[in-house]
Every structure is written in C-alpha cells, then in structure tokens.
Protein backbone atom coordinates (compact mmCIF):
# COMPACT_ATOMS: atom_id res chain seq x y z
CA MET A 1 -35.39 -15.30 -13.39
CA MET A 2 -33.13 -15.91 -16.32
CA ARG A 3 -31.92 -19.36 -17.80
CA VAL A 4 -29.05 -20.25 -20.18
CA ARG A 5 -27.66 -23.04 -22.25
CA LEU A 6 -24.03 -23.92 -21.43
CA LEU A 7 -23.03 -26.38 -24.20
CA ASP A 8 -19.41 -27.32 -23.01
CA GLU A 9 -17.08 -26.21 -20.27
CA GLU A 10 -15.48 -23.33 -22.64
CA ALA A 11 -19.36 -22.01 -22.89
CA GLN A 12 -19.67 -22.47 -19.08
CA VAL A 13 -16.26 -20.34 -17.86
CA ALA A 14 -17.24 -17.66 -20.44
CA PHE A 15 -20.60 -17.29 -18.42
CA GLY A 16 -19.39 -17.60 -15.08
CA GLU A 17 -17.03 -14.56 -16.80
CA ALA A 18 -19.61 -12.79 -18.14
CA LEU A 19 -21.64 -12.97 -14.75
CA GLY A 20 -18.19 -12.38 -12.60
CA ARG A 21 -17.99 -8.73 -14.63
CA ALA A 22 -22.19 -8.27 -14.14
CA LEU A 23 -21.51 -8.95 -9.96
CA GLU A 24 -18.83 -6.17 -10.01
CA GLY A 25 -16.94 -7.81 -6.97
CA ARG A 26 -19.65 -7.85 -4.40
CA GLY A 27 -22.35 -10.65 -3.71
CA ARG A 28 -23.51 -13.62 -2.28
CA VAL A 29 -23.83 -16.25 -5.34
CA TYR A 30 -25.59 -19.57 -4.09
CA LEU A 31 -24.78 -22.15 -6.32
CA SER A 32 -27.02 -25.90 -5.90
CA GLY A 33 -27.00 -28.64 -8.27
CA ASP A 34 -25.98 -32.47 -8.01
CA LEU A 35 -22.30 -33.66 -8.13
CA GLY A 36 -20.49 -32.90 -11.82
CA ALA A 37 -22.96 -30.00 -12.36
CA GLY A 38 -20.51 -27.60 -12.97
CA LYS A 39 -20.32 -25.57 -9.99
CA THR A 40 -16.78 -25.44 -9.67
CA THR A 41 -16.60 -24.84 -13.07
CA LEU A 42 -19.22 -21.61 -13.25
CA THR A 43 -16.73 -20.44 -10.46
CA ARG A 44 -13.16 -20.73 -11.92
CA GLY A 45 -15.13 -18.40 -15.03
CA ILE A 46 -16.51 -15.54 -12.47
CA LEU A 47 -12.48 -15.67 -10.53
CA ARG A 48 -11.39 -15.30 -14.09
CA ALA A 49 -13.42 -12.16 -14.67
CA HIS A 50 -11.56 -10.75 -11.61
CA GLY A 51 -7.77 -11.61 -12.86
CA HIS A 52 -7.46 -15.16 -10.90
CA ARG A 53 -5.01 -17.22 -13.71
CA GLY A 54 -4.95 -19.97 -11.64
CA ALA A 55 -6.01 -23.16 -11.22
CA VAL A 56 -9.86 -23.36 -9.10
CA LYS A 57 -10.42 -26.49 -6.89
CA SER A 58 -13.45 -26.99 -4.76
CA PRO A 59 -12.51 -26.14 -1.20
CA THR A 60 -14.17 -29.38 -0.11
CA TYR A 61 -12.05 -30.34 2.94
CA THR A 62 -11.38 -26.45 3.92
CA LEU A 63 -14.85 -25.15 3.63
CA VAL A 64 -13.17 -21.67 2.04
CA GLU A 65 -10.62 -20.25 -0.09
CA PRO A 66 -10.07 -16.97 -0.09
CA TYR A 67 -8.66 -15.03 -2.62
CA GLU A 68 -7.12 -11.88 -2.53
CA LEU A 69 -7.67 -10.04 -6.64
CA GLY A 70 -6.89 -6.69 -6.74
CA GLU A 71 -9.27 -4.14 -5.38
CA TRP A 72 -11.41 -7.29 -4.99
CA ARG A 73 -12.26 -10.23 -2.14
CA LEU A 74 -13.52 -13.47 -2.97
CA TYR A 75 -14.59 -16.74 -1.06
CA HIS A 76 -15.38 -19.44 -2.61
CA PHE A 77 -17.02 -21.82 -0.14
CA ASP A 78 -17.87 -25.51 -0.49
CA LEU A 79 -20.29 -26.77 2.19
CA TYR A 80 -20.45 -30.63 0.90
CA ARG A 81 -18.90 -32.16 3.87
CA LEU A 82 -20.83 -29.32 6.09
CA GLY A 83 -22.05 -31.57 9.14
CA ASP A 84 -23.64 -28.97 11.04
CA PRO A 85 -24.39 -24.77 9.74
CA GLU A 86 -22.86 -23.74 13.35
CA GLU A 87 -19.58 -24.71 12.08
CA LEU A 88 -19.51 -21.98 9.59
CA GLU A 89 -19.68 -19.59 13.26
CA PHE A 90 -16.16 -21.88 14.37
CA ILE A 91 -14.28 -20.95 11.54
CA GLY A 92 -15.18 -16.99 11.81
CA ALA A 93 -17.26 -17.45 8.07
CA ARG A 94 -19.64 -14.74 9.35
CA ASP A 95 -16.69 -12.14 9.14
CA LEU A 96 -16.51 -13.43 5.58
CA PHE A 97 -19.65 -12.51 4.23
CA ASP A 98 -19.03 -8.47 3.99
CA ASP A 99 -21.36 -6.85 1.51
CA ASP A 100 -18.62 -5.39 -0.19
CA ASP A 101 -17.19 -8.85 -1.03
CA LEU A 102 -18.19 -11.55 -3.29
CA CYS A 103 -18.91 -15.02 -2.07
CA LEU A 104 -19.61 -17.82 -3.82
CA VAL A 105 -21.37 -20.70 -2.23
CA GLU A 106 -21.41 -24.37 -3.50
CA TRP A 107 -24.14 -26.61 -1.60
CA PRO A 108 -25.85 -23.64 -0.25
CA SER A 109 -28.76 -25.84 1.27
CA ARG A 110 -26.22 -27.15 4.03
CA GLY A 111 -25.51 -23.81 5.48
CA GLU A 112 -29.36 -23.38 5.33
CA GLY A 113 -29.98 -21.41 8.66
CA TRP A 114 -27.02 -19.75 9.20
CA LEU A 115 -26.41 -18.42 5.87
CA PRO A 116 -27.47 -14.66 4.73
CA PRO A 117 -29.97 -14.16 1.81
CA ALA A 118 -28.52 -14.35 -1.31
CA THR A 119 -27.87 -11.95 -3.93
CA LEU A 120 -28.47 -14.46 -6.22
CA GLU A 121 -29.25 -17.95 -6.79
CA ILE A 122 -28.03 -20.42 -9.57
CA HIS A 123 -29.12 -23.93 -10.24
CA LEU A 124 -26.87 -25.94 -12.28
CA ARG A 125 -28.43 -28.95 -14.10
CA LEU A 126 -26.90 -31.42 -16.74
CA ALA A 127 -28.84 -31.15 -20.04
CA GLU A 128 -27.19 -33.14 -22.93
CA PRO A 129 -25.62 -31.34 -24.37
CA GLY A 130 -24.25 -29.83 -21.32
CA ARG A 131 -25.36 -27.87 -18.93
CA GLU A 132 -28.93 -25.56 -17.75
CA ALA A 133 -28.52 -22.95 -15.24
CA SER A 134 -31.42 -20.99 -13.81
CA LEU A 135 -30.35 -17.90 -12.14
CA VAL A 136 -32.89 -16.28 -9.52
CA ALA A 137 -32.11 -12.75 -8.02
CA GLY A 138 -32.63 -12.97 -4.33
CA ASP A 139 -32.46 -8.96 -3.71
CA ALA A 140 -32.23 -5.50 -5.45
CA ARG A 141 -28.63 -5.79 -6.51
CA GLY A 142 -29.35 -9.57 -7.42
CA GLU A 143 -31.77 -7.52 -10.07
CA ALA A 144 -29.07 -5.51 -11.55
CA VAL A 145 -26.81 -8.48 -11.55
CA LEU A 146 -29.58 -9.87 -13.96
CA ALA A 147 -30.23 -6.63 -16.32
CA ARG A 148 -26.17 -6.36 -16.78
CA LEU A 149 -25.92 -9.85 -17.29
CA ALA A 150 -29.18 -9.93 -19.84
CA ASP A 151 -27.29 -7.40 -21.54
CA ALA A 152 -24.30 -9.48 -22.20
CA TRP A 153 -25.67 -12.93 -22.57
CA PRO A 154 -28.47 -14.42 -24.89
CA MET A 155 -30.79 -16.23 -22.76
CA THR A 156 -32.53 -19.63 -23.60
CA ASP A 157 -35.96 -18.28 -22.32
C-alpha cells in the first residue's frame, strides 16, 4: 500500500503523470472516491504522461473515452451512471480490457462482478487541504508499479 498527500490540483496532475510513467501504458486502474475527489484530475495526469495535451472530461454518458496515444491505447471509463454491469458487455467493453492496454475506471464498484481484477486500486478522499490518495496493488504488475512510483514520489506514510 502507498498513501500520498496531494495539496492542490497541480500536485494531483503531477502525481498522475508520475503514476502514468510507472504504469508504462498497461494495466487496469480502478479509481474510487466521492464526487469531486479528483478521479478525473488524476486521470488527466496519467494521460499527459502518455502524450495527451487536450482536455479530459469524464465520459459519464458514453461510459468510455478511448485515447490512441502513439504506441499506447488507453481507455477512460466512468461507470457512475451504469445501471447494470452487463451494460459493459453490450458496449463491447470486454475487448477493451486487453493486457497490453491501459484502462482507467472511475466508479468501479458499479461494474462489480463484471470487471476483471485491478492492477491497481486507488481511493481518493478530500483531506484539507487537498486530497489523499491510497494505492493498493492488485497483482504483481501493480506491485512493480508501486515500486517504480515510490522511487519517483514521496509517500505520506
């Protein structure tokens, strides 16, 4: 487990970039936290690490936003409005969870029972000032990501 304190939006995006580099363009990252906790802000940083310079908005109504960034394919999911996890099957999401791609999933609890296991689970919470992120590896790849990230970013504890 890794816990980090992110004092403002700039720090959150910078941490996302460090995390994105540590992920090396692959894995399944599940982002949880209350509305406004910064899941999309963190995602923006991860996408920037892979070369995306445009706006990043949460795909609340489309469920998934694909990004082709050079050699990487990244998928940003927002399951907040998902009525039933089986809806993911209907939109062909199973094909998007390839081991060679990076899937960032906001509100993963809404896809419980359908989603494959996470590489990394991140819980964001308000912690005045700023946010606190708790990261837990879900597999060996996640452990390697946390090790690379620990070398690049100071932990809170």
